[in-house]
Protein backbone atom coordinates (compact mmCIF):
# COMPACT_ATOMS: atom_id res chain seq x y z
CA UNK A 1 -17.08 -6.59 -16.60
CA UNK A 2 -20.07 -6.37 -18.92
CA UNK A 3 -19.39 -7.02 -22.58
CA UNK A 4 -20.36 -4.38 -25.11
CA UNK A 5 -22.71 -5.73 -27.76
CA UNK A 6 -22.75 -4.13 -31.17
CA UNK A 7 -26.08 -2.95 -32.58
CA UNK A 8 -26.89 -2.77 -36.30
CA UNK A 9 -28.01 0.65 -37.51
CA UNK A 10 -29.07 1.66 -41.03
CA UNK A 11 -26.19 2.93 -43.10
CA UNK A 12 -26.34 6.75 -43.03
CA UNK A 13 -26.15 8.85 -46.13
CA UNK A 14 -22.54 9.82 -46.87
CA UNK A 15 -21.61 13.31 -45.78
CA UNK A 16 -18.79 15.48 -46.99
CA UNK A 17 -15.96 15.75 -44.43
CA UNK A 18 -15.66 19.09 -42.65
CA UNK A 19 -13.00 21.52 -43.83
CA UNK A 20 -9.51 20.71 -42.61
CA UNK A 21 -9.51 23.88 -40.51
CA UNK A 22 -12.31 22.54 -38.27
CA UNK A 23 -11.40 18.87 -38.14
CA UNK A 24 -10.46 17.51 -34.72
CA UNK A 25 -6.87 16.37 -34.24
CA UNK A 26 -6.39 12.62 -34.48
CA UNK A 27 -7.05 10.80 -31.21
CA UNK A 28 -4.09 8.94 -29.71
CA UNK A 29 -4.24 5.19 -29.93
CA UNK A 30 -6.09 3.81 -26.88
CA UNK A 31 -4.07 1.88 -24.34
CA UNK A 32 -5.32 -0.90 -22.10
CA UNK A 33 -4.02 -3.24 -19.44
CA UNK A 34 -2.66 -5.60 -22.08
CA UNK A 35 -0.16 -3.02 -23.32
CA UNK A 36 2.01 -3.47 -20.24
CA UNK A 37 1.37 -7.21 -20.20
CA UNK A 38 2.63 -7.52 -23.77
CA UNK A 39 5.77 -5.58 -22.88
CA UNK A 40 6.29 -7.85 -19.88
CA UNK A 41 5.90 -10.99 -21.98
CA UNK A 42 8.38 -9.68 -24.54
CA UNK A 43 11.07 -8.18 -22.34
CA UNK A 44 10.75 -9.23 -18.69
CA UNK A 45 9.20 -12.70 -18.66
CA UNK A 46 12.24 -14.34 -20.32
CA UNK A 47 14.47 -12.92 -17.58
CA UNK A 48 12.19 -13.97 -14.71
CA UNK A 49 11.15 -17.35 -16.07
CA UNK A 50 13.94 -19.42 -14.47
CA UNK A 51 13.36 -17.90 -11.01
CA UNK A 52 9.58 -18.19 -11.27
CA UNK A 53 9.93 -21.80 -12.41
CA UNK A 54 12.00 -22.51 -9.30
CA UNK A 55 9.39 -20.83 -7.08
CA UNK A 56 6.65 -22.83 -8.77
CA UNK A 57 8.50 -26.05 -7.94
CA UNK A 58 9.65 -25.19 -4.42
CA UNK A 59 6.90 -22.86 -3.21
CA UNK A 60 7.17 -19.43 -1.62
CA UNK A 61 9.33 -18.70 1.40
CA UNK A 62 8.95 -14.95 2.00
CA UNK A 63 10.85 -13.49 4.92
CA UNK A 64 8.27 -10.83 5.72
CA UNK A 65 4.65 -9.83 5.58
CA UNK A 66 4.43 -6.33 4.11
CA UNK A 67 1.24 -4.40 4.90
CA UNK A 68 0.91 -1.16 2.97
CA UNK A 69 -1.55 1.18 1.29
CA UNK A 70 -3.34 0.48 -1.97
CA UNK A 71 -2.11 3.84 -3.32
CA UNK A 72 -0.84 3.32 -6.86
CA UNK A 73 2.31 5.30 -6.10
CA UNK A 74 3.42 2.73 -3.53
CA UNK A 75 5.36 -0.16 -5.08
CA UNK A 76 6.57 -2.45 -2.27
CA UNK A 77 9.03 -4.49 -4.33
CA UNK A 78 10.65 -1.31 -5.62
CA UNK A 79 11.18 0.44 -2.28
CA UNK A 80 12.43 -2.78 -0.66
CA UNK A 81 14.52 -3.85 -3.65
CA UNK A 82 12.94 -7.30 -3.50
CA UNK A 83 11.88 -9.81 -6.11
CA UNK A 84 9.32 -12.57 -6.63
CA UNK A 85 8.76 -14.75 -3.58
CA UNK A 86 10.36 -12.36 -1.08
CA UNK A 87 7.36 -10.33 0.14
CA UNK A 88 3.98 -11.62 1.27
CA UNK A 89 1.97 -8.47 0.65
CA UNK A 90 -1.33 -7.10 1.94
CA UNK A 91 -2.62 -3.80 0.58
CA UNK A 92 -5.66 -1.84 1.64
CA UNK A 93 -6.91 1.73 1.89
CA UNK A 94 -4.77 3.44 4.53
CA UNK A 95 -2.58 0.43 5.49
CA UNK A 96 -5.00 -0.25 8.34
CA UNK A 97 -4.95 -3.24 10.69
CA UNK A 98 -8.50 -3.67 12.04
CA UNK A 99 -9.31 -5.28 15.41
CA UNK A 100 -8.75 -9.01 15.74
CA UNK A 101 -12.48 -9.60 15.23
CA UNK A 102 -12.09 -8.47 11.60
CA UNK A 103 -10.73 -11.24 9.38
CA UNK A 104 -9.79 -9.08 6.39
CA UNK A 105 -6.17 -8.51 7.41
CA UNK A 106 -5.66 -11.06 10.17
CA UNK A 107 -6.38 -13.99 7.87
CA UNK A 108 -3.22 -12.98 6.01
CA UNK A 109 -1.37 -12.37 9.29
CA UNK A 110 -2.26 -15.85 10.52
CA UNK A 111 -1.23 -17.45 7.23
CA UNK A 112 2.04 -15.52 7.13
CA UNK A 113 2.97 -16.50 10.69
CA UNK A 114 1.66 -20.05 11.00
CA UNK A 115 2.10 -21.33 7.44
CA UNK A 116 4.86 -19.25 5.86
CA UNK A 117 6.80 -18.67 9.12
CA UNK A 118 7.71 -15.10 8.23
CA UNK A 119 10.23 -13.49 10.56
CA UNK A 120 9.08 -9.90 10.17
CA UNK A 121 5.86 -7.95 9.67
CA UNK A 122 6.13 -4.45 8.23
CA UNK A 123 3.53 -1.69 8.33
CA UNK A 124 4.42 0.85 5.65
CA UNK A 125 2.59 4.16 5.42
CA UNK A 126 3.29 7.02 3.07
CA UNK A 127 2.97 10.75 2.63
CA UNK A 128 -0.14 12.28 1.13
CA UNK A 129 -2.35 9.30 1.96
CA UNK A 130 -5.88 9.81 0.66
CA UNK A 131 -7.37 7.60 3.37
CA UNK A 132 -5.82 9.74 6.09
CA UNK A 133 -7.05 12.87 4.31
CA UNK A 134 -10.56 11.41 4.31
CA UNK A 135 -10.29 10.71 8.04
CA UNK A 136 -9.29 14.31 8.69
CA UNK A 137 -12.36 15.40 6.72
CA UNK A 138 -14.60 13.17 8.86
CA UNK A 139 -15.54 10.59 6.24
CA UNK A 140 -15.82 7.96 9.00
CA UNK A 141 -18.41 9.81 11.10
CA UNK A 142 -21.95 8.54 11.65
CA UNK A 143 -23.74 11.84 11.14
CA UNK A 144 -26.55 10.94 8.79
CA UNK A 145 -24.49 10.70 5.62
CA UNK A 146 -24.70 7.59 3.49
CA UNK A 147 -22.76 4.63 4.88
CA UNK A 148 -20.57 3.00 2.25
CA UNK A 149 -17.93 0.26 2.35
CA UNK A 150 -15.29 3.00 2.35
CA UNK A 151 -16.74 4.92 5.30
CA UNK A 152 -17.13 1.68 7.28
CA UNK A 153 -13.53 0.75 6.53
CA UNK A 154 -12.20 4.16 7.53
CA UNK A 155 -13.68 3.73 11.00
CA UNK A 156 -10.76 1.42 11.65
CA UNK A 157 -8.62 4.57 11.57
CA UNK A 158 -10.38 6.31 14.45
CA UNK A 159 -7.72 5.20 16.95
CA UNK A 160 -5.11 6.92 14.79
CA UNK A 161 -7.13 10.13 14.91
CA UNK A 162 -7.33 9.92 18.69
CA UNK A 163 -3.63 9.14 18.99
CA UNK A 164 -2.51 12.02 16.79
CA UNK A 165 -4.26 14.46 19.14
CA UNK A 166 -2.42 13.17 22.21
CA UNK A 167 0.73 11.34 21.02
CA UNK A 168 1.56 12.45 17.49
CA UNK A 169 4.48 10.67 15.85
CA UNK A 170 7.27 12.76 14.38
CA UNK A 171 10.53 12.59 12.47
CA UNK A 172 13.48 12.10 14.79
CA UNK A 173 15.54 15.27 15.19
CA UNK A 174 12.92 17.53 13.65
CA UNK A 175 10.33 19.82 15.23
CA UNK A 176 6.82 18.36 15.19
CA UNK A 177 5.22 18.73 11.79
CA UNK A 178 2.76 21.58 11.32
CA UNK A 179 0.99 19.63 8.57
CA UNK A 180 -2.03 17.77 10.03
CA UNK A 181 -1.99 15.21 7.21
CA UNK A 182 1.69 14.41 7.67
CA UNK A 183 1.22 14.03 11.43
CA UNK A 184 -1.65 11.62 10.91
CA UNK A 185 0.14 9.59 8.22
CA UNK A 186 3.10 9.12 10.57
CA UNK A 187 1.00 8.41 13.64
CA UNK A 188 -1.16 5.92 11.77
CA UNK A 189 1.86 3.66 11.20
CA UNK A 190 2.57 3.54 14.94
CA UNK A 191 -1.08 2.89 15.79
CA UNK A 192 -1.34 0.03 13.30
CA UNK A 193 1.75 -1.57 14.85
CA UNK A 194 -0.07 -1.51 18.19
CA UNK A 195 -3.15 -3.04 16.58
CA UNK A 196 -0.96 -5.77 15.13
CA UNK A 197 0.56 -6.58 18.52
CA UNK A 198 -2.92 -7.28 19.89
CA UNK A 199 -3.23 -10.40 17.74
CA UNK A 200 -2.51 -13.54 19.82
CA UNK A 201 -0.31 -15.13 17.16
CA UNK A 202 1.72 -11.94 16.84
CA UNK A 203 2.06 -11.58 20.62
CA UNK A 204 3.22 -15.18 20.95
CA UNK A 205 5.84 -14.89 18.23
CA UNK A 206 7.18 -11.48 19.28
CA UNK A 207 7.44 -12.57 22.93
CA UNK A 208 9.49 -15.60 21.87
CA UNK A 209 11.75 -13.50 19.66
CA UNK A 210 10.68 -15.31 16.49
CA UNK A 211 8.97 -12.28 14.97
CA UNK A 212 9.95 -8.63 14.55
CA UNK A 213 7.55 -5.76 13.86
CA UNK A 214 8.76 -2.80 11.80
CA UNK A 215 7.13 0.52 10.97
CA UNK A 216 8.12 2.29 7.75
CA UNK A 217 7.07 5.59 6.23
CA UNK A 218 7.72 6.46 2.60
CA UNK A 219 7.97 10.12 1.63
CA UNK A 220 6.86 10.23 -1.98
CA UNK A 221 8.30 13.61 -2.93
CA UNK A 222 11.85 12.61 -1.96
CA UNK A 223 11.70 8.81 -2.44
CA UNK A 224 12.99 8.57 1.14
CA UNK A 225 12.02 5.76 3.49
CA UNK A 226 11.94 6.27 7.27
CA UNK A 227 11.87 3.60 9.97
CA UNK A 228 10.07 3.93 13.29
CA UNK A 229 12.46 3.95 16.26
CA UNK A 230 10.45 3.23 19.44
CA UNK A 231 13.36 4.14 21.70
CA UNK A 232 13.66 7.59 20.15
CA UNK A 233 9.91 7.97 19.60
CA UNK A 234 10.53 9.10 16.05
CA UNK A 235 11.04 8.09 12.43
CA UNK A 236 14.66 7.95 11.30
CA UNK A 237 15.76 8.03 7.64
CA UNK A 238 16.97 4.76 6.18
CA UNK A 239 20.42 5.53 4.80
CA UNK A 240 22.65 3.60 2.37
CA UNK A 241 25.25 1.30 3.87
CA UNK A 242 28.72 2.78 4.19
CA UNK A 243 30.77 2.08 1.11
CA UNK A 244 27.77 1.49 -1.14
CA UNK A 245 27.39 3.39 -4.37
CA UNK A 246 25.59 6.72 -4.19
C-alpha cells in the first residue's frame, strides 16, 4: 500500500463559516481494519490465548481441508462451529478446484493429505455466488474482450456450466430449481468434487478409506447448510441432532 505524503501549502486567508442552515452534517468517525483488531485484543484474545499457546507448542492437527468461496458472507468456522486449529482452509473465487496441472489449490490439497493427514476434504458452495453469476454471463469466454486474472480463473468453471445443462444438481425431495444461478451453484459443488477425485493423492486415500470427500451448500438467506448425497443425487438439509437444543 502506498503511503500518503503530506504537502505543505500556504496558509489560506481565514473565511467566515457558512450559515448553520447550509453546513454539512458532521461526518462519522472513520473506521479501519484496526477497529476490529483492537476489539479482538481487548475481548477475545484473552479467552483464546491458552488454546492458541497450546497450538503454537504442539502444531496444528486439523481434521479436514475446507475449500470454499472467498465471498465475505461465508465464514467457515461459524457454519462448522469449529475453532482454531480445526480447519485447514482454502478460499477462492467460486470454490473452484482446477485441473491437477494447476498448483493453486492442489498444493494445499497435497499438504493437507501428506503432511497434515486430514481425514476429510469439504467443498462448500453457497447461494448467490458472484463467480457463478459471472459464468452465466459469459465472463470466461474468449470473444475478444480483455483477458484478466479473473476471466482466466473463471475458465476453471466451464465444466460446471456444461454439467448444469445435462446433469443439474438439485435439492433432494424438491422439484428442480427454476433459478439458473441456484442450479449452477449447486452443480458446481458436485463438479468440484469430481475434479478433486482426479488428483492422485486424493484417489489413493479415498480408495484406501483414509479420506472422505463431502459436498456442502450453504443457503445464505436461511442460514441452512445442505450436504450432497450421491446415492440420492441431491442435497439434503443438515438437521440438528435429536435431543439438541433448538
